[in-house]
PDB file of N, CA and C in Angstrom:
ATOM      1  N   UNK A   1    -219.282-110.767   7.616  1.00  0.00           N
ATOM      2  CA  UNK A   1    -219.055-112.033   7.319  1.00  0.00           C
ATOM      3  C   UNK A   1    -218.119-111.697   6.161  1.00  0.00           C
ATOM      4  N   UNK A   2    -217.529-110.314   5.894  1.00  0.00           N
ATOM      5  CA  UNK A   2    -216.726-110.061   4.582  1.00  0.00           C
ATOM      6  C   UNK A   2    -215.290-110.395   5.241  1.00  0.00           C
ATOM      7  N   UNK A   3    -214.889-110.294   6.464  1.00  0.00           N
ATOM      8  CA  UNK A   3    -213.746-110.407   6.909  1.00  0.00           C
ATOM      9  C   UNK A   3    -213.118-111.977   6.562  1.00  0.00           C
ATOM     10  N   UNK A   4    -212.168-112.171   5.563  1.00  0.00           N
ATOM     11  CA  UNK A   4    -211.428-113.438   4.895  1.00  0.00           C
ATOM     12  C   UNK A   4    -211.368-114.653   6.434  1.00  0.00           C
ATOM     13  N   UNK A   5    -210.245-114.413   7.099  1.00  0.00           N
ATOM     14  CA  UNK A   5    -210.461-115.192   8.220  1.00  0.00           C
ATOM     15  C   UNK A   5    -211.082-115.336   9.074  1.00  0.00           C
ATOM     16  N   UNK A   6    -212.093-114.319   9.646  1.00  0.00           N
ATOM     17  CA  UNK A   6    -213.106-114.482  10.018  1.00  0.00           C
ATOM     18  C   UNK A   6    -214.442-115.694   9.295  1.00  0.00           C
ATOM     19  N   UNK A   7    -214.450-115.596   7.870  1.00  0.00           N
ATOM     20  CA  UNK A   7    -215.508-115.840   7.095  1.00  0.00           C
ATOM     21  C   UNK A   7    -214.688-117.265   7.141  1.00  0.00           C
ATOM     22  N   UNK A   8    -213.549-117.960   7.125  1.00  0.00           N
ATOM     23  CA  UNK A   8    -213.242-119.276   6.804  1.00  0.00           C
ATOM     24  C   UNK A   8    -213.196-120.108   8.124  1.00  0.00           C
ATOM     25  N   UNK A   9    -212.933-119.438   9.196  1.00  0.00           N
ATOM     26  CA  UNK A   9    -213.235-120.041  10.649  1.00  0.00           C
ATOM     27  C   UNK A   9    -214.786-120.693  10.363  1.00  0.00           C
ATOM     28  N   UNK A  10    -215.874-119.327  10.245  1.00  0.00           N
ATOM     29  CA  UNK A  10    -217.124-119.713  10.337  1.00  0.00           C
ATOM     30  C   UNK A  10    -217.594-120.871   9.326  1.00  0.00           C
ATOM     31  N   UNK A  11    -217.069-121.149   8.398  1.00  0.00           N
ATOM     32  CA  UNK A  11    -217.214-122.072   7.218  1.00  0.00           C
ATOM     33  C   UNK A  11    -216.257-123.392   7.795  1.00  0.00           C
ATOM     34  N   UNK A  12    -215.702-123.397   8.148  1.00  0.00           N
ATOM     35  CA  UNK A  12    -214.756-124.743   8.806  1.00  0.00           C
ATOM     36  C   UNK A  12    -215.505-125.104  10.274  1.00  0.00           C
ATOM     37  N   UNK A  13    -216.203-124.525  10.755  1.00  0.00           N
ATOM     38  CA  UNK A  13    -217.076-124.412  12.078  1.00  0.00           C
ATOM     39  C   UNK A  13    -218.099-125.130  11.578  1.00  0.00           C
ATOM     40  N   UNK A  14    -218.700-124.549  10.666  1.00  0.00           N
ATOM     41  CA  UNK A  14    -220.172-124.877   9.638  1.00  0.00           C
ATOM     42  C   UNK A  14    -219.952-126.492   9.037  1.00  0.00           C
ATOM     43  N   UNK A  15    -218.962-126.379   8.563  1.00  0.00           N
ATOM     44  CA  UNK A  15    -218.465-127.722   7.822  1.00  0.00           C
ATOM     45  C   UNK A  15    -218.498-128.828   9.102  1.00  0.00           C
ATOM     46  N   UNK A  16    -217.210-128.662   9.769  1.00  0.00           N
ATOM     47  CA  UNK A  16    -217.194-129.553  10.912  1.00  0.00           C
ATOM     48  C   UNK A  16    -218.475-129.750  11.468  1.00  0.00           C
ATOM     49  N   UNK A  17    -219.406-128.923  12.159  1.00  0.00           N
ATOM     50  CA  UNK A  17    -220.505-129.301  12.583  1.00  0.00           C
ATOM     51  C   UNK A  17    -221.536-130.496  11.542  1.00  0.00           C
ATOM     52  N   UNK A  18    -221.675-129.934  10.410  1.00  0.00           N
ATOM     53  CA  UNK A  18    -222.279-130.931   9.368  1.00  0.00           C
ATOM     54  C   UNK A  18    -221.874-132.115   9.399  1.00  0.00           C
ATOM     55  N   UNK A  19    -220.710-132.636   9.075  1.00  0.00           N
ATOM     56  CA  UNK A  19    -220.259-133.736   9.486  1.00  0.00           C
ATOM     57  C   UNK A  19    -220.571-134.328  10.305  1.00  0.00           C
ATOM     58  N   UNK A  20    -220.533-133.891  11.807  1.00  0.00           N
ATOM     59  CA  UNK A  20    -220.698-134.882  12.655  1.00  0.00           C
ATOM     60  C   UNK A  20    -222.154-134.674  13.519  1.00  0.00           C
ATOM     61  N   UNK A  21    -223.025-134.210  13.179  1.00  0.00           N
ATOM     62  CA  UNK A  21    -224.228-133.496  13.178  1.00  0.00           C
ATOM     63  C   UNK A  21    -225.686-133.702  12.090  1.00  0.00           C
ATOM     64  N   UNK A  22    -225.772-134.832  12.010  1.00  0.00           N
ATOM     65  CA  UNK A  22    -226.703-135.018  10.921  1.00  0.00           C
ATOM     66  C   UNK A  22    -227.832-134.411  10.877  1.00  0.00           C
ATOM     67  N   UNK A  23    -228.629-133.822  11.608  1.00  0.00           N
ATOM     68  CA  UNK A  23    -229.622-133.316  12.088  1.00  0.00           C
ATOM     69  C   UNK A  23    -229.201-131.961  11.500  1.00  0.00           C
ATOM     70  N   UNK A  24    -228.217-131.336  11.884  1.00  0.00           N
ATOM     71  CA  UNK A  24    -227.524-129.829  11.501  1.00  0.00           C
ATOM     72  C   UNK A  24    -227.388-129.926  10.313  1.00  0.00           C
ATOM     73  N   UNK A  25    -226.649-130.618   9.905  1.00  0.00           N
ATOM     74  CA  UNK A  25    -226.569-130.767   8.297  1.00  0.00           C
ATOM     75  C   UNK A  25    -227.795-130.618   7.065  1.00  0.00           C
ATOM     76  N   UNK A  26    -228.863-131.540   7.658  1.00  0.00           N
ATOM     77  CA  UNK A  26    -230.577-131.600   7.160  1.00  0.00           C
ATOM     78  C   UNK A  26    -230.829-130.125   7.161  1.00  0.00           C
ATOM     79  N   UNK A  27    -230.432-129.361   8.528  1.00  0.00           N
ATOM     80  CA  UNK A  27    -231.332-127.770   9.053  1.00  0.00           C
ATOM     81  C   UNK A  27    -230.224-126.782   7.411  1.00  0.00           C
ATOM     82  N   UNK A  28    -228.793-127.283   7.353  1.00  0.00           N
ATOM     83  CA  UNK A  28    -228.257-126.465   6.412  1.00  0.00           C
ATOM     84  C   UNK A  28    -228.720-126.992   5.182  1.00  0.00           C
ATOM     85  N   UNK A  29    -228.995-127.874   4.820  1.00  0.00           N
ATOM     86  CA  UNK A  29    -229.670-128.344   3.293  1.00  0.00           C
ATOM     87  C   UNK A  29    -231.268-127.577   3.386  1.00  0.00           C
ATOM     88  N   UNK A  30    -232.187-127.476   4.382  1.00  0.00           N
ATOM     89  CA  UNK A  30    -233.372-127.005   4.175  1.00  0.00           C
ATOM     90  C   UNK A  30    -233.483-125.646   4.339  1.00  0.00           C
ATOM     91  N   UNK A  31    -233.086-125.125   5.318  1.00  0.00           N
ATOM     92  CA  UNK A  31    -232.867-123.613   5.797  1.00  0.00           C
ATOM     93  C   UNK A  31    -231.588-123.326   5.758  1.00  0.00           C
ATOM     94  N   UNK A  32    -230.916-122.868   4.961  1.00  0.00           N
ATOM     95  CA  UNK A  32    -229.623-122.714   5.495  1.00  0.00           C
ATOM     96  C   UNK A  32    -229.501-121.424   5.612  1.00  0.00           C
ATOM     97  N   UNK A  33    -229.960-120.206   5.799  1.00  0.00           N
ATOM     98  CA  UNK A  33    -229.824-118.854   6.390  1.00  0.00           C
ATOM     99  C   UNK A  33    -230.196-119.054   8.213  1.00  0.00           C
ATOM    100  N   UNK A  34    -231.040-119.702   8.526  1.00  0.00           N
ATOM    101  CA  UNK A  34    -231.818-120.386   9.417  1.00  0.00           C
ATOM    102  C   UNK A  34    -230.928-121.286  10.369  1.00  0.00           C
ATOM    103  N   UNK A  35    -229.790-122.448   9.882  1.00  0.00           N
ATOM    104  CA  UNK A  35    -229.027-122.850  10.372  1.00  0.00           C
ATOM    105  C   UNK A  35    -227.922-122.143  10.710  1.00  0.00           C
ATOM    106  N   UNK A  36    -227.305-121.237   9.702  1.00  0.00           N
ATOM    107  CA  UNK A  36    -226.428-120.509   9.766  1.00  0.00           C
ATOM    108  C   UNK A  36    -226.789-119.568  11.181  1.00  0.00           C
ATOM    109  N   UNK A  37    -227.517-119.111  11.456  1.00  0.00           N
ATOM    110  CA  UNK A  37    -228.165-118.045  12.114  1.00  0.00           C
ATOM    111  C   UNK A  37    -228.123-118.333  13.629  1.00  0.00           C
ATOM    112  N   UNK A  38    -228.344-120.144  13.695  1.00  0.00           N
ATOM    113  CA  UNK A  38    -228.838-120.811  15.112  1.00  0.00           C
ATOM    114  C   UNK A  38    -227.437-121.074  15.349  1.00  0.00           C
ATOM    115  N   UNK A  39    -226.473-121.362  14.336  1.00  0.00           N
ATOM    116  CA  UNK A  39    -224.806-121.962  15.213  1.00  0.00           C
ATOM    117  C   UNK A  39    -224.249-120.407  15.369  1.00  0.00           C
ATOM    118  N   UNK A  40    -224.473-119.262  14.539  1.00  0.00           N
ATOM    119  CA  UNK A  40    -223.842-118.338  14.959  1.00  0.00           C
ATOM    120  C   UNK A  40    -224.442-117.499  16.237  1.00  0.00           C
ATOM    121  N   UNK A  41    -225.596-117.508  16.546  1.00  0.00           N
ATOM    122  CA  UNK A  41    -226.386-117.057  17.461  1.00  0.00           C
ATOM    123  C   UNK A  41    -226.711-115.921  17.226  1.00  0.00           C
ATOM    124  N   UNK A  42    -226.097-115.458  15.970  1.00  0.00           N
ATOM    125  CA  UNK A  42    -227.020-114.129  15.671  1.00  0.00           C
ATOM    126  C   UNK A  42    -227.962-113.989  14.429  1.00  0.00           C
ATOM    127  N   UNK A  43    -228.788-112.628  13.808  1.00  0.00           N
ATOM    128  CA  UNK A  43    -229.366-112.602  12.681  1.00  0.00           C
ATOM    129  C   UNK A  43    -228.729-112.232  11.419  1.00  0.00           C
ATOM    130  N   UNK A  44    -228.772-112.561  10.556  1.00  0.00           N
ATOM    131  CA  UNK A  44    -228.069-112.419   9.858  1.00  0.00           C
ATOM    132  C   UNK A  44    -229.132-111.111   8.876  1.00  0.00           C
ATOM    133  N   UNK A  45    -228.550-110.031   8.375  1.00  0.00           N
ATOM    134  CA  UNK A  45    -229.272-108.879   7.467  1.00  0.00           C
ATOM    135  C   UNK A  45    -230.227-109.708   6.642  1.00  0.00           C
ATOM    136  N   UNK A  46    -231.325-108.975   6.719  1.00  0.00           N
ATOM    137  CA  UNK A  46    -232.496-109.285   5.821  1.00  0.00           C
ATOM    138  C   UNK A  46    -232.125-109.559   4.314  1.00  0.00           C
ATOM    139  N   UNK A  47    -231.113-108.938   3.386  1.00  0.00           N
ATOM    140  CA  UNK A  47    -231.198-108.990   2.346  1.00  0.00           C
ATOM    141  C   UNK A  47    -229.741-110.006   1.874  1.00  0.00           C
ATOM    142  N   UNK A  48    -229.271-110.483   3.220  1.00  0.00           N
ATOM    143  CA  UNK A  48    -228.427-111.563   3.094  1.00  0.00           C
ATOM    144  C   UNK A  48    -229.179-113.003   2.285  1.00  0.00           C
ATOM    145  N   UNK A  49    -228.602-113.537   1.414  1.00  0.00           N
ATOM    146  CA  UNK A  49    -228.922-115.097   1.154  1.00  0.00           C
ATOM    147  C   UNK A  49    -228.004-115.973   1.887  1.00  0.00           C
ATOM    148  N   UNK A  50    -228.027-117.221   1.897  1.00  0.00           N
ATOM    149  CA  UNK A  50    -227.091-118.392   1.858  1.00  0.00           C
ATOM    150  C   UNK A  50    -227.791-119.408   1.542  1.00  0.00           C
ATOM    151  N   UNK A  51    -226.780-119.949   0.721  1.00  0.00           N
ATOM    152  CA  UNK A  51    -227.138-121.401  -0.153  1.00  0.00           C
ATOM    153  C   UNK A  51    -226.694-122.083  -0.007  1.00  0.00           C
ATOM    154  N   UNK A  52    -226.859-123.559   0.533  1.00  0.00           N
ATOM    155  CA  UNK A  52    -225.944-124.694   0.495  1.00  0.00           C
ATOM    156  C   UNK A  52    -226.044-125.960  -0.589  1.00  0.00           C
ATOM    157  N   UNK A  53    -225.311-125.815  -1.141  1.00  0.00           N
ATOM    158  CA  UNK A  53    -225.420-127.132  -1.717  1.00  0.00           C
ATOM    159  C   UNK A  53    -223.982-128.579  -1.287  1.00  0.00           C
ATOM    160  N   UNK A  54    -224.534-129.424  -1.783  1.00  0.00           N
ATOM    161  CA  UNK A  54    -223.779-130.574  -1.379  1.00  0.00           C
ATOM    162  C   UNK A  54    -223.251-131.514  -2.267  1.00  0.00           C
ATOM    163  N   UNK A  55    -221.976-131.279  -2.349  1.00  0.00           N
ATOM    164  CA  UNK A  55    -221.193-132.062  -3.515  1.00  0.00           C
ATOM    165  C   UNK A  55    -221.307-133.662  -3.428  1.00  0.00           C
ATOM    166  N   UNK A  56    -221.173-133.979  -4.219  1.00  0.00           N
ATOM    167  CA  UNK A  56    -221.635-135.758  -4.687  1.00  0.00           C
ATOM    168  C   UNK A  56    -220.131-136.342  -5.127  1.00  0.00           C
ATOM    169  N   UNK A  57    -220.123-137.472  -5.358  1.00  0.00           N
ATOM    170  CA  UNK A  57    -218.869-137.741  -5.698  1.00  0.00           C
ATOM    171  C   UNK A  57    -218.191-137.354  -6.995  1.00  0.00           C
ATOM    172  N   UNK A  58    -219.333-136.847  -8.316  1.00  0.00           N
ATOM    173  CA  UNK A  58    -219.081-136.706  -9.470  1.00  0.00           C
ATOM    174  C   UNK A  58    -219.014-135.263  -9.590  1.00  0.00           C
ATOM    175  N   UNK A  59    -219.558-134.762  -8.564  1.00  0.00           N
ATOM    176  CA  UNK A  59    -219.653-133.366  -8.702  1.00  0.00           C
ATOM    177  C   UNK A  59    -219.265-132.298  -7.811  1.00  0.00           C
ATOM    178  N   UNK A  60    -218.598-131.180  -8.006  1.00  0.00           N
ATOM    179  CA  UNK A  60    -217.259-130.831  -7.107  1.00  0.00           C
ATOM    180  C   UNK A  60    -217.925-128.901  -7.705  1.00  0.00           C
ATOM    181  N   UNK A  61    -218.096-128.010  -6.206  1.00  0.00           N
ATOM    182  CA  UNK A  61    -218.271-126.836  -6.587  1.00  0.00           C
ATOM    183  C   UNK A  61    -217.615-125.795  -6.591  1.00  0.00           C
ATOM    184  N   UNK A  62    -216.759-125.178  -7.463  1.00  0.00           N
ATOM    185  CA  UNK A  62    -215.628-124.285  -6.896  1.00  0.00           C
ATOM    186  C   UNK A  62    -216.680-122.674  -6.324  1.00  0.00           C
ATOM    187  N   UNK A  63    -216.400-122.685  -5.474  1.00  0.00           N
ATOM    188  CA  UNK A  63    -217.065-121.211  -5.225  1.00  0.00           C
ATOM    189  C   UNK A  63    -216.134-119.890  -5.148  1.00  0.00           C
ATOM    190  N   UNK A  64    -216.261-119.188  -5.707  1.00  0.00           N
ATOM    191  CA  UNK A  64    -215.779-117.787  -6.554  1.00  0.00           C
ATOM    192  C   UNK A  64    -216.388-116.385  -5.546  1.00  0.00           C
ATOM    193  N   UNK A  65    -215.349-115.526  -5.115  1.00  0.00           N
ATOM    194  CA  UNK A  65    -215.663-114.441  -4.275  1.00  0.00           C
ATOM    195  C   UNK A  65    -215.885-113.285  -5.350  1.00  0.00           C
ATOM    196  N   UNK A  66    -216.935-112.754  -4.693  1.00  0.00           N
ATOM    197  CA  UNK A  66    -217.367-111.047  -5.381  1.00  0.00           C
ATOM    198  C   UNK A  66    -216.561-110.795  -6.135  1.00  0.00           C
ATOM    199  N   UNK A  67    -216.502-110.107  -6.865  1.00  0.00           N
ATOM    200  CA  UNK A  67    -216.076-108.806  -7.780  1.00  0.00           C
ATOM    201  C   UNK A  67    -216.276-107.440  -7.470  1.00  0.00           C
ATOM    202  N   UNK A  68    -215.177-106.311  -7.475  1.00  0.00           N
ATOM    203  CA  UNK A  68    -215.591-105.376  -7.081  1.00  0.00           C
ATOM    204  C   UNK A  68    -217.362-104.831  -7.873  1.00  0.00           C
ATOM    205  N   UNK A  69    -217.148-105.354  -9.210  1.00  0.00           N
ATOM    206  CA  UNK A  69    -218.645-104.994 -10.206  1.00  0.00           C
ATOM    207  C   UNK A  69    -219.954-106.056  -9.644  1.00  0.00           C
ATOM    208  N   UNK A  70    -219.393-106.675  -8.750  1.00  0.00           N
ATOM    209  CA  UNK A  70    -220.965-107.502  -8.397  1.00  0.00           C
ATOM    210  C   UNK A  70    -222.001-106.242  -7.680  1.00  0.00           C
ATOM    211  N   UNK A  71    -222.982-106.846  -8.166  1.00  0.00           N
ATOM    212  CA  UNK A  71    -223.934-106.277  -7.826  1.00  0.00           C
ATOM    213  C   UNK A  71    -224.339-105.067  -8.721  1.00  0.00           C
ATOM    214  N   UNK A  72    -224.290-104.756  -9.489  1.00  0.00           N
ATOM    215  CA  UNK A  72    -224.164-103.864 -10.495  1.00  0.00           C
ATOM    216  C   UNK A  72    -224.482-103.975 -11.619  1.00  0.00           C
ATOM    217  N   UNK A  73    -225.507-104.863 -11.958  1.00  0.00           N
ATOM    218  CA  UNK A  73    -225.946-105.284 -13.316  1.00  0.00           C
ATOM    219  C   UNK A  73    -226.969-104.521 -13.320  1.00  0.00           C
ATOM    220  N   UNK A  74    -227.259-103.860 -14.796  1.00  0.00           N
ATOM    221  CA  UNK A  74    -228.095-102.897 -15.116  1.00  0.00           C
ATOM    222  C   UNK A  74    -227.577-101.439 -14.861  1.00  0.00           C
ATOM    223  N   UNK A  75    -226.497-101.249 -14.636  1.00  0.00           N
ATOM    224  CA  UNK A  75    -225.684 -99.993 -13.992  1.00  0.00           C
ATOM    225  C   UNK A  75    -225.257 -99.918 -15.295  1.00  0.00           C
ATOM    226  N   UNK A  76    -224.984 -98.150 -16.297  1.00  0.00           N
ATOM    227  CA  UNK A  76    -224.395 -97.871 -16.641  1.00  0.00           C
ATOM    228  C   UNK A  76    -223.288 -97.963 -16.917  1.00  0.00           C
ATOM    229  N   UNK A  77    -222.031 -97.672 -17.554  1.00  0.00           N
ATOM    230  CA  UNK A  77    -220.782 -97.564 -17.184  1.00  0.00           C
ATOM    231  C   UNK A  77    -220.646 -96.260 -17.495  1.00  0.00           C
ATOM    232  N   UNK A  78    -219.695 -95.017 -16.881  1.00  0.00           N
ATOM    233  CA  UNK A  78    -219.366 -94.070 -16.978  1.00  0.00           C
ATOM    234  C   UNK A  78    -218.295 -94.147 -18.812  1.00  0.00           C
ATOM    235  N   UNK A  79    -218.441 -92.642 -19.138  1.00  0.00           N
ATOM    236  CA  UNK A  79    -217.675 -92.841 -20.507  1.00  0.00           C
ATOM    237  C   UNK A  79    -216.002 -93.103 -19.963  1.00  0.00           C
ATOM    238  N   UNK A  80    -215.402 -92.862 -19.176  1.00  0.00           N
ATOM    239  CA  UNK A  80    -214.625 -93.150 -18.979  1.00  0.00           C
ATOM    240  C   UNK A  80    -213.874 -95.015 -18.734  1.00  0.00           C
ATOM    241  N   UNK A  81    -214.914 -95.435 -17.783  1.00  0.00           N
ATOM    242  CA  UNK A  81    -215.193 -96.624 -17.610  1.00  0.00           C
ATOM    243  C   UNK A  81    -215.303 -97.675 -18.644  1.00  0.00           C
ATOM    244  N   UNK A  82    -216.339 -97.015 -19.625  1.00  0.00           N
ATOM    245  CA  UNK A  82    -216.311 -97.393 -21.188  1.00  0.00           C
ATOM    246  C   UNK A  82    -215.096 -97.783 -21.833  1.00  0.00           C
ATOM    247  N   UNK A  83    -214.445 -96.337 -21.910  1.00  0.00           N
ATOM    248  CA  UNK A  83    -212.769 -96.319 -22.847  1.00  0.00           C
ATOM    249  C   UNK A  83    -211.936 -97.178 -22.139  1.00  0.00           C
ATOM    250  N   UNK A  84    -212.015 -97.013 -21.091  1.00  0.00           N
ATOM    251  CA  UNK A  84    -211.046 -98.423 -20.444  1.00  0.00           C
ATOM    252  C   UNK A  84    -210.845 -99.949 -20.549  1.00  0.00           C
ATOM    253  N   UNK A  85    -212.593-100.392 -21.253  1.00  0.00           N
ATOM    254  CA  UNK A  85    -213.000-101.933 -21.516  1.00  0.00           C
ATOM    255  C   UNK A  85    -212.842-101.803 -23.135  1.00  0.00           C
ATOM    256  N   UNK A  86    -212.757-100.444 -23.576  1.00  0.00           N
ATOM    257  CA  UNK A  86    -212.820-100.291 -24.976  1.00  0.00           C
ATOM    258  C   UNK A  86    -211.668-101.675 -25.801  1.00  0.00           C
ATOM    259  N   UNK A  87    -212.592-101.941 -26.760  1.00  0.00           N
ATOM    260  CA  UNK A  87    -211.344-103.028 -27.605  1.00  0.00           C
ATOM    261  C   UNK A  87    -210.269-101.688 -28.744  1.00  0.00           C
ATOM    262  N   UNK A  88    -211.037-100.522 -28.832  1.00  0.00           N
ATOM    263  CA  UNK A  88    -210.302-100.128 -29.536  1.00  0.00           C
ATOM    264  C   UNK A  88    -209.535 -98.473 -29.445  1.00  0.00           C
ATOM    265  N   UNK A  89    -208.975 -97.917 -30.433  1.00  0.00           N
ATOM    266  CA  UNK A  89    -208.050 -96.598 -29.670  1.00  0.00           C
ATOM    267  C   UNK A  89    -208.875 -95.580 -30.752  1.00  0.00           C
ATOM    268  N   UNK A  90    -208.321 -94.363 -30.380  1.00  0.00           N
ATOM    269  CA  UNK A  90    -209.009 -93.249 -30.402  1.00  0.00           C
ATOM    270  C   UNK A  90    -207.838 -92.923 -32.068  1.00  0.00           C
ATOM    271  N   UNK A  91    -208.584 -92.477 -33.348  1.00  0.00           N
ATOM    272  CA  UNK A  91    -207.796 -91.983 -33.928  1.00  0.00           C
ATOM    273  C   UNK A  91    -207.367 -90.429 -34.000  1.00  0.00           C
ATOM    274  N   UNK A  92    -206.984 -90.180 -34.627  1.00  0.00           N
ATOM    275  CA  UNK A  92    -206.075 -88.181 -35.139  1.00  0.00           C
ATOM    276  C   UNK A  92    -207.413 -88.076 -35.459  1.00  0.00           C
ATOM    277  N   UNK A  93    -208.060 -88.365 -36.191  1.00  0.00           N
ATOM    278  CA  UNK A  93    -209.912 -87.553 -36.609  1.00  0.00           C
ATOM    279  C   UNK A  93    -211.014 -88.008 -35.277  1.00  0.00           C
ATOM    280  N   UNK A  94    -210.495 -88.722 -34.594  1.00  0.00           N
ATOM    281  CA  UNK A  94    -211.294 -89.279 -33.009  1.00  0.00           C
ATOM    282  C   UNK A  94    -212.354 -89.764 -33.496  1.00  0.00           C
ATOM    283  N   UNK A  95    -212.149 -90.920 -34.136  1.00  0.00           N
ATOM    284  CA  UNK A  95    -212.934 -91.631 -34.740  1.00  0.00           C
ATOM    285  C   UNK A  95    -212.331 -93.068 -33.760  1.00  0.00           C
ATOM    286  N   UNK A  96    -212.913 -93.917 -33.300  1.00  0.00           N
ATOM    287  CA  UNK A  96    -212.451 -95.539 -33.112  1.00  0.00           C
ATOM    288  C   UNK A  96    -212.356 -96.169 -33.935  1.00  0.00           C
ATOM    289  N   UNK A  97    -210.684 -97.168 -34.217  1.00  0.00           N
ATOM    290  CA  UNK A  97    -210.559 -98.073 -34.726  1.00  0.00           C
ATOM    291  C   UNK A  97    -209.822 -99.057 -34.589  1.00  0.00           C
ATOM    292  N   UNK A  98    -209.599 -99.984 -35.269  1.00  0.00           N
ATOM    293  CA  UNK A  98    -208.425-101.451 -33.958  1.00  0.00           C
ATOM    294  C   UNK A  98    -207.204-101.212 -33.688  1.00  0.00           C
ATOM    295  N   UNK A  99    -207.372-101.606 -32.761  1.00  0.00           N
ATOM    296  CA  UNK A  99    -206.138-101.746 -31.766  1.00  0.00           C
ATOM    297  C   UNK A  99    -204.767-101.521 -31.686  1.00  0.00           C
ATOM    298  N   UNK A 100    -204.965-102.233 -33.585  1.00  0.00           N
ATOM    299  CA  UNK A 100    -203.291-102.785 -33.943  1.00  0.00           C
ATOM    300  C   UNK A 100    -203.199-101.622 -34.814  1.00  0.00           C
ATOM    301  N   UNK A 101    -203.947-100.743 -35.679  1.00  0.00           N
ATOM    302  CA  UNK A 101    -203.520 -99.777 -36.630  1.00  0.00           C
ATOM    303  C   UNK A 101    -204.455 -98.950 -36.751  1.00  0.00           C
ATOM    304  N   UNK A 102    -205.233 -98.433 -36.103  1.00  0.00           N
ATOM    305  CA  UNK A 102    -206.133 -97.328 -35.879  1.00  0.00           C
ATOM    306  C   UNK A 102    -206.961 -97.310 -36.677  1.00  0.00           C
ATOM    307  N   UNK A 103    -207.259 -98.322 -37.387  1.00  0.00           N
ATOM    308  CA  UNK A 103    -208.369 -98.229 -39.155  1.00  0.00           C
ATOM    309  C   UNK A 103    -208.903 -99.900 -39.007  1.00  0.00           C
ATOM    310  N   UNK A 104    -210.137 -99.482 -39.038  1.00  0.00           N
ATOM    311  CA  UNK A 104    -211.198-100.716 -38.916  1.00  0.00           C
ATOM    312  C   UNK A 104    -210.945-101.753 -40.412  1.00  0.00           C
ATOM    313  N   UNK A 105    -209.823-101.007 -41.153  1.00  0.00           N
ATOM    314  CA  UNK A 105    -210.447-101.487 -42.617  1.00  0.00           C
ATOM    315  C   UNK A 105    -208.852-102.867 -42.617  1.00  0.00           C
ATOM    316  N   UNK A 106    -207.851-102.877 -41.346  1.00  0.00           N
ATOM    317  CA  UNK A 106    -206.617-103.190 -41.500  1.00  0.00           C
ATOM    318  C   UNK A 106    -206.788-104.835 -41.556  1.00  0.00           C
ATOM    319  N   UNK A 107    -208.534-105.507 -41.419  1.00  0.00           N
ATOM    320  CA  UNK A 107    -208.125-106.890 -41.392  1.00  0.00           C
ATOM    321  C   UNK A 107    -207.369-107.614 -40.004  1.00  0.00           C
ATOM    322  N   UNK A 108    -206.747-107.121 -39.434  1.00  0.00           N
ATOM    323  CA  UNK A 108    -206.383-107.808 -37.804  1.00  0.00           C
ATOM    324  C   UNK A 108    -207.658-108.246 -37.349  1.00  0.00           C
ATOM    325  N   UNK A 109    -208.517-107.132 -36.883  1.00  0.00           N
ATOM    326  CA  UNK A 109    -209.588-107.799 -35.915  1.00  0.00           C
ATOM    327  C   UNK A 109    -210.684-107.754 -36.988  1.00  0.00           C
ATOM    328  N   UNK A 110    -211.094-107.904 -38.002  1.00  0.00           N
ATOM    329  CA  UNK A 110    -211.972-108.493 -38.519  1.00  0.00           C
ATOM    330  C   UNK A 110    -211.992-109.814 -38.702  1.00  0.00           C
TER     331      UNK A 110
END
């Protein structure tokens, strides 16, 4: 399901069937993983969750793809990763300071 075009095709197929077949639509709402497995004719991995949401006239859902950092909650960043996202820079003395001036007292970042 990670392949973009294959996933899009699967989603299109599931959505089309849910519009044409009310019983299938209800199955996707009540048991999304079971409905997807039934339609695909295969079992999804145990750790895969499937969630169905139904849009209404006044609610639109935007589904964003996962990011490379997804699933790393609670994992500490390495010193290199921390340096790449830090808002400051190292001063000549090796202390961290304001990105604009290298000095915490510059007033720009306070």
